[in-house]
Amino acid sequence: MAIGINIVSSIGVWLLTKELVFTLMMLSFLILEMLILMTVSAIKLKKYRVQILKGEVEVV
């Protein structure tokens, strides 16, 4: 879903500015940000996986 929003917003920027390089650069930064966030969350989940399965994690 987030990728779809990024693509639609990139098309909107391209239609408004007519600068393809700027649009592609913006899209690549957004995709890079999403990859970083997914990697960080996967590492966090891997760290607490056993505790989550046992039900020992307190929700803060």
PDB file of N, CA and C in Angstrom:
ATOM      1  N   MET A   1       0.817  -1.186   0.000  1.00  0.00           N
ATOM      2  CA  MET A   1       0.000   0.000   0.000  1.00  0.00           C
ATOM      3  C   MET A   1       0.869   1.260   0.000  1.00  0.00           C
ATOM      4  N   ALA A   2       1.927   1.240   0.807  1.00  0.00           N
ATOM      5  CA  ALA A   2       2.796   2.417   0.882  1.00  0.00           C
ATOM      6  C   ALA A   2       3.518   2.649  -0.447  1.00  0.00           C
ATOM      7  N   ILE A   3       3.857   1.572  -1.139  1.00  0.00           N
ATOM      8  CA  ILE A   3       4.520   1.722  -2.437  1.00  0.00           C
ATOM      9  C   ILE A   3       3.561   2.358  -3.437  1.00  0.00           C
ATOM     10  N   GLY A   4       2.311   1.967  -3.388  1.00  0.00           N
ATOM     11  CA  GLY A   4       1.315   2.559  -4.272  1.00  0.00           C
ATOM     12  C   GLY A   4       1.140   4.047  -4.025  1.00  0.00           C
ATOM     13  N   ILE A   5       1.137   4.425  -2.753  1.00  0.00           N
ATOM     14  CA  ILE A   5       1.025   5.850  -2.413  1.00  0.00           C
ATOM     15  C   ILE A   5       2.243   6.602  -2.921  1.00  0.00           C
ATOM     16  N   ASN A   6       3.424   6.007  -2.773  1.00  0.00           N
ATOM     17  CA  ASN A   6       4.646   6.647  -3.270  1.00  0.00           C
ATOM     18  C   ASN A   6       4.620   6.823  -4.779  1.00  0.00           C
ATOM     19  N   ILE A   7       4.137   5.824  -5.478  1.00  0.00           N
ATOM     20  CA  ILE A   7       4.088   5.901  -6.934  1.00  0.00           C
ATOM     21  C   ILE A   7       3.096   6.970  -7.382  1.00  0.00           C
ATOM     22  N   VAL A   8       1.936   6.993  -6.748  1.00  0.00           N
ATOM     23  CA  VAL A   8       0.927   7.996  -7.109  1.00  0.00           C
ATOM     24  C   VAL A   8       1.437   9.409  -6.814  1.00  0.00           C
ATOM     25  N   SER A   9       2.095   9.587  -5.660  1.00  0.00           N
ATOM     26  CA  SER A   9       2.617  10.918  -5.349  1.00  0.00           C
ATOM     27  C   SER A   9       3.749  11.302  -6.292  1.00  0.00           C
ATOM     28  N   SER A  10       4.556  10.340  -6.707  1.00  0.00           N
ATOM     29  CA  SER A  10       5.624  10.634  -7.663  1.00  0.00           C
ATOM     30  C   SER A  10       5.062  11.034  -9.024  1.00  0.00           C
ATOM     31  N   ILE A  11       3.995  10.369  -9.445  1.00  0.00           N
ATOM     32  CA  ILE A  11       3.357  10.738 -10.710  1.00  0.00           C
ATOM     33  C   ILE A  11       2.782  12.150 -10.598  1.00  0.00           C
ATOM     34  N   GLY A  12       2.197  12.462  -9.437  1.00  0.00           N
ATOM     35  CA  GLY A  12       1.669  13.801  -9.226  1.00  0.00           C
ATOM     36  C   GLY A  12       2.751  14.860  -9.279  1.00  0.00           C
ATOM     37  N   VAL A  13       3.892  14.595  -8.655  1.00  0.00           N
ATOM     38  CA  VAL A  13       5.011  15.546  -8.705  1.00  0.00           C
ATOM     39  C   VAL A  13       5.510  15.691 -10.129  1.00  0.00           C
ATOM     40  N   TRP A  14       5.588  14.580 -10.852  1.00  0.00           N
ATOM     41  CA  TRP A  14       6.062  14.640 -12.236  1.00  0.00           C
ATOM     42  C   TRP A  14       5.105  15.466 -13.101  1.00  0.00           C
ATOM     43  N   LEU A  15       3.805  15.283 -12.887  1.00  0.00           N
ATOM     44  CA  LEU A  15       2.834  16.048 -13.672  1.00  0.00           C
ATOM     45  C   LEU A  15       2.900  17.540 -13.351  1.00  0.00           C
ATOM     46  N   LEU A  16       3.199  17.877 -12.100  1.00  0.00           N
ATOM     47  CA  LEU A  16       3.264  19.290 -11.714  1.00  0.00           C
ATOM     48  C   LEU A  16       4.568  19.952 -12.134  1.00  0.00           C
ATOM     49  N   THR A  17       5.685  19.232 -12.037  1.00  0.00           N
ATOM     50  CA  THR A  17       6.987  19.854 -12.291  1.00  0.00           C
ATOM     51  C   THR A  17       7.566  19.512 -13.660  1.00  0.00           C
ATOM     52  N   LYS A  18       7.145  18.407 -14.238  1.00  0.00           N
ATOM     53  CA  LYS A  18       7.668  17.911 -15.523  1.00  0.00           C
ATOM     54  C   LYS A  18       9.179  17.634 -15.460  1.00  0.00           C
ATOM     55  N   GLU A  19       9.688  17.355 -14.262  1.00  0.00           N
ATOM     56  CA  GLU A  19      11.091  17.010 -14.100  1.00  0.00           C
ATOM     57  C   GLU A  19      11.186  15.550 -13.691  1.00  0.00           C
ATOM     58  N   LEU A  20      11.567  14.704 -14.632  1.00  0.00           N
ATOM     59  CA  LEU A  20      11.616  13.273 -14.396  1.00  0.00           C
ATOM     60  C   LEU A  20      12.734  12.906 -13.425  1.00  0.00           C
ATOM     61  N   VAL A  21      13.873  13.582 -13.515  1.00  0.00           N
ATOM     62  CA  VAL A  21      15.006  13.257 -12.648  1.00  0.00           C
ATOM     63  C   VAL A  21      14.639  13.514 -11.183  1.00  0.00           C
ATOM     64  N   PHE A  22      14.023  14.648 -10.914  1.00  0.00           N
ATOM     65  CA  PHE A  22      13.602  14.979  -9.550  1.00  0.00           C
ATOM     66  C   PHE A  22      12.598  13.962  -9.028  1.00  0.00           C
ATOM     67  N   THR A  23      11.672  13.569  -9.873  1.00  0.00           N
ATOM     68  CA  THR A  23      10.645  12.602  -9.479  1.00  0.00           C
ATOM     69  C   THR A  23      11.262  11.247  -9.176  1.00  0.00           C
ATOM     70  N   LEU A  24      12.170  10.790 -10.028  1.00  0.00           N
ATOM     71  CA  LEU A  24      12.821   9.498  -9.788  1.00  0.00           C
ATOM     72  C   LEU A  24      13.690   9.532  -8.542  1.00  0.00           C
ATOM     73  N   MET A  25      14.347  10.659  -8.295  1.00  0.00           N
ATOM     74  CA  MET A  25      15.167  10.802  -7.102  1.00  0.00           C
ATOM     75  C   MET A  25      14.286  10.756  -5.852  1.00  0.00           C
ATOM     76  N   MET A  26      13.154  11.449  -5.879  1.00  0.00           N
ATOM     77  CA  MET A  26      12.234  11.438  -4.751  1.00  0.00           C
ATOM     78  C   MET A  26      11.690  10.029  -4.509  1.00  0.00           C
ATOM     79  N   LEU A  27      11.316   9.347  -5.578  1.00  0.00           N
ATOM     80  CA  LEU A  27      10.788   7.991  -5.451  1.00  0.00           C
ATOM     81  C   LEU A  27      11.836   7.042  -4.887  1.00  0.00           C
ATOM     82  N   SER A  28      13.078   7.178  -5.326  1.00  0.00           N
ATOM     83  CA  SER A  28      14.132   6.296  -4.823  1.00  0.00           C
ATOM     84  C   SER A  28      14.415   6.554  -3.346  1.00  0.00           C
ATOM     85  N   PHE A  29      14.361   7.820  -2.904  1.00  0.00           N
ATOM     86  CA  PHE A  29      14.552   8.113  -1.486  1.00  0.00           C
ATOM     87  C   PHE A  29      13.417   7.532  -0.647  1.00  0.00           C
ATOM     88  N   LEU A  30      12.197   7.603  -1.136  1.00  0.00           N
ATOM     89  CA  LEU A  30      11.066   7.046  -0.403  1.00  0.00           C
ATOM     90  C   LEU A  30      11.167   5.527  -0.304  1.00  0.00           C
ATOM     91  N   ILE A  31      11.581   4.879  -1.380  1.00  0.00           N
ATOM     92  CA  ILE A  31      11.744   3.425  -1.357  1.00  0.00           C
ATOM     93  C   ILE A  31      12.883   3.034  -0.423  1.00  0.00           C
ATOM     94  N   LEU A  32      13.973   3.788  -0.433  1.00  0.00           N
ATOM     95  CA  LEU A  32      15.085   3.528   0.474  1.00  0.00           C
ATOM     96  C   LEU A  32      14.646   3.676   1.929  1.00  0.00           C
ATOM     97  N   GLU A  33      13.845   4.687   2.212  1.00  0.00           N
ATOM     98  CA  GLU A  33      13.346   4.889   3.573  1.00  0.00           C
ATOM     99  C   GLU A  33      12.473   3.714   4.005  1.00  0.00           C
ATOM    100  N   MET A  34      11.607   3.237   3.119  1.00  0.00           N
ATOM    101  CA  MET A  34      10.758   2.096   3.448  1.00  0.00           C
ATOM    102  C   MET A  34      11.585   0.844   3.703  1.00  0.00           C
ATOM    103  N   LEU A  35      12.626   0.621   2.903  1.00  0.00           N
ATOM    104  CA  LEU A  35      13.484  -0.548   3.112  1.00  0.00           C
ATOM    105  C   LEU A  35      14.199  -0.480   4.457  1.00  0.00           C
ATOM    106  N   ILE A  36      14.666   0.699   4.821  1.00  0.00           N
ATOM    107  CA  ILE A  36      15.342   0.863   6.111  1.00  0.00           C
ATOM    108  C   ILE A  36      14.377   0.588   7.254  1.00  0.00           C
ATOM    109  N   LEU A  37      13.160   1.131   7.163  1.00  0.00           N
ATOM    110  CA  LEU A  37      12.169   0.904   8.215  1.00  0.00           C
ATOM    111  C   LEU A  37      11.774  -0.566   8.324  1.00  0.00           C
ATOM    112  N   MET A  38      11.624  -1.248   7.189  1.00  0.00           N
ATOM    113  CA  MET A  38      11.280  -2.668   7.228  1.00  0.00           C
ATOM    114  C   MET A  38      12.414  -3.494   7.817  1.00  0.00           C
ATOM    115  N   THR A  39      13.653  -3.132   7.515  1.00  0.00           N
ATOM    116  CA  THR A  39      14.801  -3.852   8.053  1.00  0.00           C
ATOM    117  C   THR A  39      14.901  -3.669   9.559  1.00  0.00           C
ATOM    118  N   VAL A  40      14.723  -2.440  10.018  1.00  0.00           N
ATOM    119  CA  VAL A  40      14.785  -2.177  11.462  1.00  0.00           C
ATOM    120  C   VAL A  40      13.679  -2.936  12.189  1.00  0.00           C
ATOM    121  N   SER A  41      12.442  -2.918  11.634  1.00  0.00           N
ATOM    122  CA  SER A  41      11.370  -3.646  12.305  1.00  0.00           C
ATOM    123  C   SER A  41      11.595  -5.144  12.289  1.00  0.00           C
ATOM    124  N   ALA A  42      12.170  -5.686  11.219  1.00  0.00           N
ATOM    125  CA  ALA A  42      12.448  -7.123  11.177  1.00  0.00           C
ATOM    126  C   ALA A  42      13.487  -7.500  12.222  1.00  0.00           C
ATOM    127  N   ILE A  43      14.493  -6.651  12.403  1.00  0.00           N
ATOM    128  CA  ILE A  43      15.514  -6.923  13.415  1.00  0.00           C
ATOM    129  C   ILE A  43      14.904  -6.878  14.808  1.00  0.00           C
ATOM    130  N   LYS A  44      14.048  -5.876  15.062  1.00  0.00           N
ATOM    131  CA  LYS A  44      13.393  -5.766  16.374  1.00  0.00           C
ATOM    132  C   LYS A  44      12.497  -6.977  16.641  1.00  0.00           C
ATOM    133  N   LEU A  45      11.729  -7.384  15.631  1.00  0.00           N
ATOM    134  CA  LEU A  45      10.850  -8.542  15.815  1.00  0.00           C
ATOM    135  C   LEU A  45      11.639  -9.827  16.014  1.00  0.00           C
ATOM    136  N   LYS A  46      12.756  -9.960  15.315  1.00  0.00           N
ATOM    137  CA  LYS A  46      13.582 -11.149  15.471  1.00  0.00           C
ATOM    138  C   LYS A  46      14.143 -11.227  16.884  1.00  0.00           C
ATOM    139  N   LYS A  47      14.479 -10.070  17.442  1.00  0.00           N
ATOM    140  CA  LYS A  47      15.044 -10.015  18.783  1.00  0.00           C
ATOM    141  C   LYS A  47      14.029 -10.479  19.826  1.00  0.00           C
ATOM    142  N   TYR A  48      12.775 -10.077  19.672  1.00  0.00           N
ATOM    143  CA  TYR A  48      11.747 -10.386  20.663  1.00  0.00           C
ATOM    144  C   TYR A  48      10.812 -11.513  20.235  1.00  0.00           C
ATOM    145  N   ARG A  49      11.168 -12.255  19.208  1.00  0.00           N
ATOM    146  CA  ARG A  49      10.281 -13.281  18.656  1.00  0.00           C
ATOM    147  C   ARG A  49       9.873 -14.312  19.692  1.00  0.00           C
ATOM    148  N   VAL A  50      10.825 -14.845  20.424  1.00  0.00           N
ATOM    149  CA  VAL A  50      10.523 -15.886  21.400  1.00  0.00           C
ATOM    150  C   VAL A  50       9.647 -15.334  22.521  1.00  0.00           C
ATOM    151  N   GLN A  51       9.948 -14.133  22.975  1.00  0.00           N
ATOM    152  CA  GLN A  51       9.138 -13.534  24.031  1.00  0.00           C
ATOM    153  C   GLN A  51       7.715 -13.267  23.543  1.00  0.00           C
ATOM    154  N   ILE A  52       7.576 -12.864  22.298  1.00  0.00           N
ATOM    155  CA  ILE A  52       6.246 -12.616  21.746  1.00  0.00           C
ATOM    156  C   ILE A  52       5.455 -13.919  21.675  1.00  0.00           C
ATOM    157  N   LEU A  53       6.120 -14.994  21.234  1.00  0.00           N
ATOM    158  CA  LEU A  53       5.427 -16.281  21.128  1.00  0.00           C
ATOM    159  C   LEU A  53       5.010 -16.810  22.498  1.00  0.00           C
ATOM    160  N   LYS A  54       5.817 -16.591  23.512  1.00  0.00           N
ATOM    161  CA  LYS A  54       5.479 -17.028  24.854  1.00  0.00           C
ATOM    162  C   LYS A  54       4.457 -16.119  25.522  1.00  0.00           C
ATOM    163  N   GLY A  55       4.289 -14.920  24.999  1.00  0.00           N
ATOM    164  CA  GLY A  55       3.354 -13.979  25.588  1.00  0.00           C
ATOM    165  C   GLY A  55       3.933 -13.223  26.768  1.00  0.00           C
ATOM    166  N   GLU A  56       5.244 -13.096  26.813  1.00  0.00           N
ATOM    167  CA  GLU A  56       5.907 -12.448  27.937  1.00  0.00           C
ATOM    168  C   GLU A  56       6.227 -10.975  27.692  1.00  0.00           C
ATOM    169  N   VAL A  57       5.801 -10.429  26.584  1.00  0.00           N
ATOM    170  CA  VAL A  57       6.127  -9.052  26.251  1.00  0.00           C
ATOM    171  C   VAL A  57       5.025  -8.148  26.769  1.00  0.00           C
ATOM    172  N   GLU A  58       5.427  -7.086  27.477  1.00  0.00           N
ATOM    173  CA  GLU A  58       4.468  -6.108  27.950  1.00  0.00           C
ATOM    174  C   GLU A  58       4.241  -5.056  26.866  1.00  0.00           C
ATOM    175  N   VAL A  59       3.000  -4.731  26.609  1.00  0.00           N
ATOM    176  CA  VAL A  59       2.671  -3.717  25.629  1.00  0.00           C
ATOM    177  C   VAL A  59       2.812  -2.357  26.292  1.00  0.00           C
ATOM    178  N   VAL A  60       3.629  -1.496  25.695  1.00  0.00           N
ATOM    179  CA  VAL A  60       3.870  -0.176  26.280  1.00  0.00           C
ATOM    180  C   VAL A  60       3.087   0.862  25.524  1.00  0.00           C
TER     181      VAL A  60
END
